[in-house]
């Protein structure tokens, strides 16, 4: 039986490239932080303000290009 240290040693804790790209895009264009959750077919982007999330919705295609993905983007207000 593997111990907890053995299991965690083999786990990859790096952030997926889609998440890195989306966070970098938002930081570069809006100087804001967002939380990004990756699911099988969707990427959920949560921001603190309604104005930020509304602007992100309008630039959804650019976000998909920056992330290099065709997953559906879901936008949420609140962290």
PDB file of N, CA and C in Angstrom:
ATOM      1  N   UNK A   1       0.841  -1.173   0.000  1.00  0.00           N
ATOM      2  CA  UNK A   1       0.000   0.000   0.000  1.00  0.00           C
ATOM      3  C   UNK A   1       0.891   1.243   0.000  1.00  0.00           C
ATOM      4  N   UNK A   2       0.579   2.175  -0.894  1.00  0.00           N
ATOM      5  CA  UNK A   2       1.346   3.416  -0.995  1.00  0.00           C
ATOM      6  C   UNK A   2       0.973   4.370   0.129  1.00  0.00           C
ATOM      7  N   UNK A   3       1.969   5.047   0.617  1.00  0.00           N
ATOM      8  CA  UNK A   3       1.724   6.060   1.624  1.00  0.00           C
ATOM      9  C   UNK A   3       1.303   7.367   0.971  1.00  0.00           C
ATOM     10  N   UNK A   4       0.853   8.289   1.768  1.00  0.00           N
ATOM     11  CA  UNK A   4       0.411   9.582   1.255  1.00  0.00           C
ATOM     12  C   UNK A   4       1.547  10.314   0.543  1.00  0.00           C
ATOM     13  N   UNK A   5       2.738  10.226   1.077  1.00  0.00           N
ATOM     14  CA  UNK A   5       3.891  10.884   0.449  1.00  0.00           C
ATOM     15  C   UNK A   5       4.168  10.299  -0.934  1.00  0.00           C
ATOM     16  N   UNK A   6       4.001   8.985  -1.105  1.00  0.00           N
ATOM     17  CA  UNK A   6       4.222   8.351  -2.404  1.00  0.00           C
ATOM     18  C   UNK A   6       3.184   8.807  -3.425  1.00  0.00           C
ATOM     19  N   UNK A   7       1.944   8.917  -2.992  1.00  0.00           N
ATOM     20  CA  UNK A   7       0.872   9.341  -3.895  1.00  0.00           C
ATOM     21  C   UNK A   7       1.085  10.789  -4.322  1.00  0.00           C
ATOM     22  N   UNK A   8       1.398  11.658  -3.366  1.00  0.00           N
ATOM     23  CA  UNK A   8       1.571  13.073  -3.676  1.00  0.00           C
ATOM     24  C   UNK A   8       2.834  13.342  -4.486  1.00  0.00           C
ATOM     25  N   UNK A   9       3.839  12.508  -4.338  1.00  0.00           N
ATOM     26  CA  UNK A   9       5.077  12.687  -5.087  1.00  0.00           C
ATOM     27  C   UNK A   9       4.831  12.519  -6.590  1.00  0.00           C
ATOM     28  N   UNK A  10       3.932  11.620  -6.963  1.00  0.00           N
ATOM     29  CA  UNK A  10       3.663  11.347  -8.368  1.00  0.00           C
ATOM     30  C   UNK A  10       2.615  12.281  -8.971  1.00  0.00           C
ATOM     31  N   UNK A  11       1.982  13.105  -8.164  1.00  0.00           N
ATOM     32  CA  UNK A  11       0.925  13.997  -8.634  1.00  0.00           C
ATOM     33  C   UNK A  11       1.532  15.240  -9.278  1.00  0.00           C
ATOM     34  N   UNK A  12       0.914  15.690 -10.357  1.00  0.00           N
ATOM     35  CA  UNK A  12       1.359  16.892 -11.059  1.00  0.00           C
ATOM     36  C   UNK A  12       0.541  18.080 -10.551  1.00  0.00           C
ATOM     37  N   UNK A  13       1.190  19.006  -9.856  1.00  0.00           N
ATOM     38  CA  UNK A  13       0.499  20.146  -9.275  1.00  0.00           C
ATOM     39  C   UNK A  13       0.623  21.407 -10.122  1.00  0.00           C
ATOM     40  N   UNK A  14       1.147  21.308 -11.322  1.00  0.00           N
ATOM     41  CA  UNK A  14       1.287  22.475 -12.184  1.00  0.00           C
ATOM     42  C   UNK A  14      -0.080  22.942 -12.670  1.00  0.00           C
ATOM     43  N   UNK A  15      -0.199  24.247 -12.855  1.00  0.00           N
ATOM     44  CA  UNK A  15      -1.431  24.833 -13.354  1.00  0.00           C
ATOM     45  C   UNK A  15      -1.548  24.515 -14.845  1.00  0.00           C
ATOM     46  N   UNK A  16      -2.728  24.081 -15.309  1.00  0.00           N
ATOM     47  CA  UNK A  16      -2.899  23.804 -16.740  1.00  0.00           C
ATOM     48  C   UNK A  16      -2.625  25.058 -17.576  1.00  0.00           C
ATOM     49  N   UNK A  17      -2.137  24.878 -18.793  1.00  0.00           N
ATOM     50  CA  UNK A  17      -1.779  26.037 -19.620  1.00  0.00           C
ATOM     51  C   UNK A  17      -2.969  26.936 -19.948  1.00  0.00           C
ATOM     52  N   UNK A  18      -4.174  26.366 -20.050  1.00  0.00           N
ATOM     53  CA  UNK A  18      -5.352  27.192 -20.324  1.00  0.00           C
ATOM     54  C   UNK A  18      -5.588  28.187 -19.196  1.00  0.00           C
ATOM     55  N   UNK A  19      -5.459  27.714 -17.965  1.00  0.00           N
ATOM     56  CA  UNK A  19      -5.673  28.584 -16.810  1.00  0.00           C
ATOM     57  C   UNK A  19      -4.601  29.664 -16.762  1.00  0.00           C
ATOM     58  N   UNK A  20      -3.364  29.292 -16.992  1.00  0.00           N
ATOM     59  CA  UNK A  20      -2.278  30.277 -16.995  1.00  0.00           C
ATOM     60  C   UNK A  20      -2.519  31.345 -18.057  1.00  0.00           C
ATOM     61  N   UNK A  21      -2.940  30.927 -19.244  1.00  0.00           N
ATOM     62  CA  UNK A  21      -3.150  31.871 -20.341  1.00  0.00           C
ATOM     63  C   UNK A  21      -4.299  32.830 -20.040  1.00  0.00           C
ATOM     64  N   UNK A  22      -5.390  32.324 -19.476  1.00  0.00           N
ATOM     65  CA  UNK A  22      -6.539  33.180 -19.167  1.00  0.00           C
ATOM     66  C   UNK A  22      -6.185  34.178 -18.073  1.00  0.00           C
ATOM     67  N   UNK A  23      -5.528  33.718 -17.026  1.00  0.00           N
ATOM     68  CA  UNK A  23      -5.142  34.626 -15.941  1.00  0.00           C
ATOM     69  C   UNK A  23      -4.174  35.695 -16.436  1.00  0.00           C
ATOM     70  N   UNK A  24      -3.244  35.317 -17.287  1.00  0.00           N
ATOM     71  CA  UNK A  24      -2.291  36.287 -17.836  1.00  0.00           C
ATOM     72  C   UNK A  24      -2.995  37.303 -18.733  1.00  0.00           C
ATOM     73  N   UNK A  25      -3.949  36.845 -19.548  1.00  0.00           N
ATOM     74  CA  UNK A  25      -4.704  37.739 -20.425  1.00  0.00           C
ATOM     75  C   UNK A  25      -5.464  38.775 -19.611  1.00  0.00           C
ATOM     76  N   UNK A  26      -6.168  38.319 -18.575  1.00  0.00           N
ATOM     77  CA  UNK A  26      -6.958  39.227 -17.742  1.00  0.00           C
ATOM     78  C   UNK A  26      -6.044  40.202 -17.004  1.00  0.00           C
ATOM     79  N   UNK A  27      -4.938  39.713 -16.496  1.00  0.00           N
ATOM     80  CA  UNK A  27      -3.997  40.584 -15.782  1.00  0.00           C
ATOM     81  C   UNK A  27      -3.414  41.635 -16.726  1.00  0.00           C
ATOM     82  N   UNK A  28      -3.086  41.233 -17.941  1.00  0.00           N
ATOM     83  CA  UNK A  28      -2.464  42.139 -18.910  1.00  0.00           C
ATOM     84  C   UNK A  28      -3.459  43.196 -19.409  1.00  0.00           C
ATOM     85  N   UNK A  29      -4.699  42.791 -19.732  1.00  0.00           N
ATOM     86  CA  UNK A  29      -5.661  43.714 -20.332  1.00  0.00           C
ATOM     87  C   UNK A  29      -6.507  44.478 -19.318  1.00  0.00           C
ATOM     88  N   UNK A  30      -6.777  43.875 -18.166  1.00  0.00           N
ATOM     89  CA  UNK A  30      -7.690  44.498 -17.204  1.00  0.00           C
ATOM     90  C   UNK A  30      -7.044  44.773 -15.852  1.00  0.00           C
ATOM     91  N   UNK A  31      -5.813  44.357 -15.649  1.00  0.00           N
ATOM     92  CA  UNK A  31      -5.104  44.522 -14.378  1.00  0.00           C
ATOM     93  C   UNK A  31      -5.974  44.054 -13.210  1.00  0.00           C
ATOM     94  N   UNK A  32      -6.513  42.848 -13.343  1.00  0.00           N
ATOM     95  CA  UNK A  32      -7.389  42.275 -12.321  1.00  0.00           C
ATOM     96  C   UNK A  32      -7.056  40.797 -12.159  1.00  0.00           C
ATOM     97  N   UNK A  33      -7.443  40.266 -11.016  1.00  0.00           N
ATOM     98  CA  UNK A  33      -7.263  38.842 -10.747  1.00  0.00           C
ATOM     99  C   UNK A  33      -8.604  38.129 -10.878  1.00  0.00           C
ATOM    100  N   UNK A  34      -8.573  36.939 -11.440  1.00  0.00           N
ATOM    101  CA  UNK A  34      -9.767  36.109 -11.558  1.00  0.00           C
ATOM    102  C   UNK A  34      -9.429  34.704 -11.079  1.00  0.00           C
ATOM    103  N   UNK A  35     -10.462  33.973 -10.725  1.00  0.00           N
ATOM    104  CA  UNK A  35     -10.249  32.558 -10.439  1.00  0.00           C
ATOM    105  C   UNK A  35     -10.795  31.774 -11.626  1.00  0.00           C
ATOM    106  N   UNK A  36     -10.080  30.737 -12.003  1.00  0.00           N
ATOM    107  CA  UNK A  36     -10.428  29.952 -13.183  1.00  0.00           C
ATOM    108  C   UNK A  36     -10.520  28.493 -12.778  1.00  0.00           C
ATOM    109  N   UNK A  37     -11.636  27.864 -13.145  1.00  0.00           N
ATOM    110  CA  UNK A  37     -11.861  26.456 -12.853  1.00  0.00           C
ATOM    111  C   UNK A  37     -12.014  25.711 -14.169  1.00  0.00           C
ATOM    112  N   UNK A  38     -11.312  24.620 -14.287  1.00  0.00           N
ATOM    113  CA  UNK A  38     -11.308  23.834 -15.511  1.00  0.00           C
ATOM    114  C   UNK A  38     -12.149  22.580 -15.304  1.00  0.00           C
ATOM    115  N   UNK A  39     -13.106  22.355 -16.193  1.00  0.00           N
ATOM    116  CA  UNK A  39     -13.914  21.140 -16.177  1.00  0.00           C
ATOM    117  C   UNK A  39     -13.728  20.436 -17.520  1.00  0.00           C
ATOM    118  N   UNK A  40     -14.423  19.337 -17.698  1.00  0.00           N
ATOM    119  CA  UNK A  40     -14.225  18.543 -18.911  1.00  0.00           C
ATOM    120  C   UNK A  40     -14.548  19.323 -20.182  1.00  0.00           C
ATOM    121  N   UNK A  41     -15.679  20.036 -20.179  1.00  0.00           N
ATOM    122  CA  UNK A  41     -16.095  20.753 -21.382  1.00  0.00           C
ATOM    123  C   UNK A  41     -16.209  22.260 -21.195  1.00  0.00           C
ATOM    124  N   UNK A  42     -15.995  22.744 -19.985  1.00  0.00           N
ATOM    125  CA  UNK A  42     -16.151  24.168 -19.723  1.00  0.00           C
ATOM    126  C   UNK A  42     -14.966  24.731 -18.947  1.00  0.00           C
ATOM    127  N   UNK A  43     -14.813  26.023 -19.049  1.00  0.00           N
ATOM    128  CA  UNK A  43     -13.869  26.782 -18.233  1.00  0.00           C
ATOM    129  C   UNK A  43     -14.687  27.870 -17.555  1.00  0.00           C
ATOM    130  N   UNK A  44     -14.683  27.882 -16.226  1.00  0.00           N
ATOM    131  CA  UNK A  44     -15.432  28.870 -15.464  1.00  0.00           C
ATOM    132  C   UNK A  44     -14.480  29.956 -14.991  1.00  0.00           C
ATOM    133  N   UNK A  45     -14.819  31.189 -15.321  1.00  0.00           N
ATOM    134  CA  UNK A  45     -14.012  32.344 -14.945  1.00  0.00           C
ATOM    135  C   UNK A  45     -14.834  33.185 -13.981  1.00  0.00           C
ATOM    136  N   UNK A  46     -14.312  33.403 -12.778  1.00  0.00           N
ATOM    137  CA  UNK A  46     -15.012  34.182 -11.758  1.00  0.00           C
ATOM    138  C   UNK A  46     -14.229  35.446 -11.462  1.00  0.00           C
ATOM    139  N   UNK A  47     -14.950  36.569 -11.462  1.00  0.00           N
ATOM    140  CA  UNK A  47     -14.340  37.854 -11.145  1.00  0.00           C
ATOM    141  C   UNK A  47     -15.110  38.544 -10.040  1.00  0.00           C
ATOM    142  N   UNK A  48     -14.477  39.493  -9.380  1.00  0.00           N
ATOM    143  CA  UNK A  48     -15.080  40.164  -8.228  1.00  0.00           C
ATOM    144  C   UNK A  48     -16.166  41.169  -8.600  1.00  0.00           C
ATOM    145  N   UNK A  49     -16.062  41.810  -9.748  1.00  0.00           N
ATOM    146  CA  UNK A  49     -17.021  42.863 -10.071  1.00  0.00           C
ATOM    147  C   UNK A  49     -17.822  42.514 -11.322  1.00  0.00           C
ATOM    148  N   UNK A  50     -19.043  43.043 -11.357  1.00  0.00           N
ATOM    149  CA  UNK A  50     -19.914  42.800 -12.501  1.00  0.00           C
ATOM    150  C   UNK A  50     -19.364  43.457 -13.759  1.00  0.00           C
ATOM    151  N   UNK A  51     -18.738  44.611 -13.604  1.00  0.00           N
ATOM    152  CA  UNK A  51     -18.201  45.294 -14.785  1.00  0.00           C
ATOM    153  C   UNK A  51     -17.046  44.508 -15.403  1.00  0.00           C
ATOM    154  N   UNK A  52     -16.196  43.936 -14.566  1.00  0.00           N
ATOM    155  CA  UNK A  52     -15.100  43.111 -15.085  1.00  0.00           C
ATOM    156  C   UNK A  52     -15.645  41.897 -15.818  1.00  0.00           C
ATOM    157  N   UNK A  53     -16.587  41.204 -15.209  1.00  0.00           N
ATOM    158  CA  UNK A  53     -17.138  39.991 -15.822  1.00  0.00           C
ATOM    159  C   UNK A  53     -17.868  40.325 -17.117  1.00  0.00           C
ATOM    160  N   UNK A  54     -18.571  41.457 -17.157  1.00  0.00           N
ATOM    161  CA  UNK A  54     -19.251  41.869 -18.389  1.00  0.00           C
ATOM    162  C   UNK A  54     -18.253  42.131 -19.510  1.00  0.00           C
ATOM    163  N   UNK A  55     -17.158  42.792 -19.189  1.00  0.00           N
ATOM    164  CA  UNK A  55     -16.127  43.027 -20.201  1.00  0.00           C
ATOM    165  C   UNK A  55     -15.476  41.725 -20.647  1.00  0.00           C
ATOM    166  N   UNK A  56     -15.283  40.802 -19.727  1.00  0.00           N
ATOM    167  CA  UNK A  56     -14.712  39.507 -20.100  1.00  0.00           C
ATOM    168  C   UNK A  56     -15.651  38.740 -21.018  1.00  0.00           C
ATOM    169  N   UNK A  57     -16.952  38.838 -20.765  1.00  0.00           N
ATOM    170  CA  UNK A  57     -17.927  38.176 -21.643  1.00  0.00           C
ATOM    171  C   UNK A  57     -17.806  38.701 -23.072  1.00  0.00           C
ATOM    172  N   UNK A  58     -17.627  40.010 -23.186  1.00  0.00           N
ATOM    173  CA  UNK A  58     -17.511  40.605 -24.519  1.00  0.00           C
ATOM    174  C   UNK A  58     -16.236  40.167 -25.234  1.00  0.00           C
ATOM    175  N   UNK A  59     -15.206  39.851 -24.484  1.00  0.00           N
ATOM    176  CA  UNK A  59     -13.946  39.420 -25.105  1.00  0.00           C
ATOM    177  C   UNK A  59     -13.759  37.906 -24.997  1.00  0.00           C
ATOM    178  N   UNK A  60     -14.855  37.171 -25.012  1.00  0.00           N
ATOM    179  CA  UNK A  60     -14.808  35.717 -24.882  1.00  0.00           C
ATOM    180  C   UNK A  60     -14.005  35.032 -25.975  1.00  0.00           C
ATOM    181  N   UNK A  61     -14.166  35.485 -27.206  1.00  0.00           N
ATOM    182  CA  UNK A  61     -13.428  34.872 -28.331  1.00  0.00           C
ATOM    183  C   UNK A  61     -11.925  35.081 -28.180  1.00  0.00           C
ATOM    184  N   UNK A  62     -11.537  36.278 -27.754  1.00  0.00           N
ATOM    185  CA  UNK A  62     -10.115  36.552 -27.557  1.00  0.00           C
ATOM    186  C   UNK A  62      -9.549  35.700 -26.424  1.00  0.00           C
ATOM    187  N   UNK A  63     -10.349  35.490 -25.377  1.00  0.00           N
ATOM    188  CA  UNK A  63      -9.914  34.631 -24.277  1.00  0.00           C
ATOM    189  C   UNK A  63      -9.709  33.198 -24.756  1.00  0.00           C
ATOM    190  N   UNK A  64     -10.633  32.707 -25.587  1.00  0.00           N
ATOM    191  CA  UNK A  64     -10.494  31.353 -26.113  1.00  0.00           C
ATOM    192  C   UNK A  64      -9.248  31.233 -26.988  1.00  0.00           C
ATOM    193  N   UNK A  65      -8.983  32.235 -27.796  1.00  0.00           N
ATOM    194  CA  UNK A  65      -7.776  32.213 -28.633  1.00  0.00           C
ATOM    195  C   UNK A  65      -6.521  32.256 -27.784  1.00  0.00           C
ATOM    196  N   UNK A  66      -6.532  33.107 -26.754  1.00  0.00           N
ATOM    197  CA  UNK A  66      -5.359  33.224 -25.880  1.00  0.00           C
ATOM    198  C   UNK A  66      -5.091  31.915 -25.152  1.00  0.00           C
ATOM    199  N   UNK A  67      -6.158  31.221 -24.766  1.00  0.00           N
ATOM    200  CA  UNK A  67      -6.009  29.960 -24.047  1.00  0.00           C
ATOM    201  C   UNK A  67      -5.776  28.789 -24.992  1.00  0.00           C
ATOM    202  N   UNK A  68      -6.060  28.979 -26.270  1.00  0.00           N
ATOM    203  CA  UNK A  68      -5.892  27.897 -27.233  1.00  0.00           C
ATOM    204  C   UNK A  68      -6.868  26.761 -26.987  1.00  0.00           C
ATOM    205  N   UNK A  69      -8.117  27.107 -26.706  1.00  0.00           N
ATOM    206  CA  UNK A  69      -9.109  26.092 -26.383  1.00  0.00           C
ATOM    207  C   UNK A  69     -10.412  26.366 -27.119  1.00  0.00           C
ATOM    208  N   UNK A  70     -11.230  25.327 -27.256  1.00  0.00           N
ATOM    209  CA  UNK A  70     -12.566  25.487 -27.815  1.00  0.00           C
ATOM    210  C   UNK A  70     -13.637  25.137 -26.780  1.00  0.00           C
ATOM    211  N   UNK A  71     -13.240  25.033 -25.525  1.00  0.00           N
ATOM    212  CA  UNK A  71     -14.196  24.757 -24.451  1.00  0.00           C
ATOM    213  C   UNK A  71     -15.107  25.956 -24.243  1.00  0.00           C
ATOM    214  N   UNK A  72     -16.305  25.685 -23.758  1.00  0.00           N
ATOM    215  CA  UNK A  72     -17.264  26.739 -23.466  1.00  0.00           C
ATOM    216  C   UNK A  72     -16.785  27.537 -22.258  1.00  0.00           C
ATOM    217  N   UNK A  73     -16.844  28.862 -22.366  1.00  0.00           N
ATOM    218  CA  UNK A  73     -16.462  29.725 -21.255  1.00  0.00           C
ATOM    219  C   UNK A  73     -17.711  30.110 -20.473  1.00  0.00           C
ATOM    220  N   UNK A  74     -17.656  29.937 -19.164  1.00  0.00           N
ATOM    221  CA  UNK A  74     -18.746  30.308 -18.267  1.00  0.00           C
ATOM    222  C   UNK A  74     -18.213  31.406 -17.362  1.00  0.00           C
ATOM    223  N   UNK A  75     -18.971  32.504 -17.259  1.00  0.00           N
ATOM    224  CA  UNK A  75     -18.527  33.647 -16.464  1.00  0.00           C
ATOM    225  C   UNK A  75     -19.412  33.787 -15.238  1.00  0.00           C
ATOM    226  N   UNK A  76     -18.779  34.047 -14.092  1.00  0.00           N
ATOM    227  CA  UNK A  76     -19.501  34.201 -12.831  1.00  0.00           C
ATOM    228  C   UNK A  76     -19.011  35.447 -12.113  1.00  0.00           C
ATOM    229  N   UNK A  77     -19.942  36.086 -11.420  1.00  0.00           N
ATOM    230  CA  UNK A  77     -19.602  37.245 -10.606  1.00  0.00           C
ATOM    231  C   UNK A  77     -19.408  36.768  -9.181  1.00  0.00           C
ATOM    232  N   UNK A  78     -18.311  37.158  -8.564  1.00  0.00           N
ATOM    233  CA  UNK A  78     -18.011  36.760  -7.188  1.00  0.00           C
ATOM    234  C   UNK A  78     -16.864  35.780  -7.149  1.00  0.00           C
ATOM    235  N   UNK A  79     -16.166  35.762  -6.032  1.00  0.00           N
ATOM    236  CA  UNK A  79     -15.013  34.863  -5.907  1.00  0.00           C
ATOM    237  C   UNK A  79     -15.402  33.617  -5.226  1.00  0.00           C
TER     238      UNK A  79
END
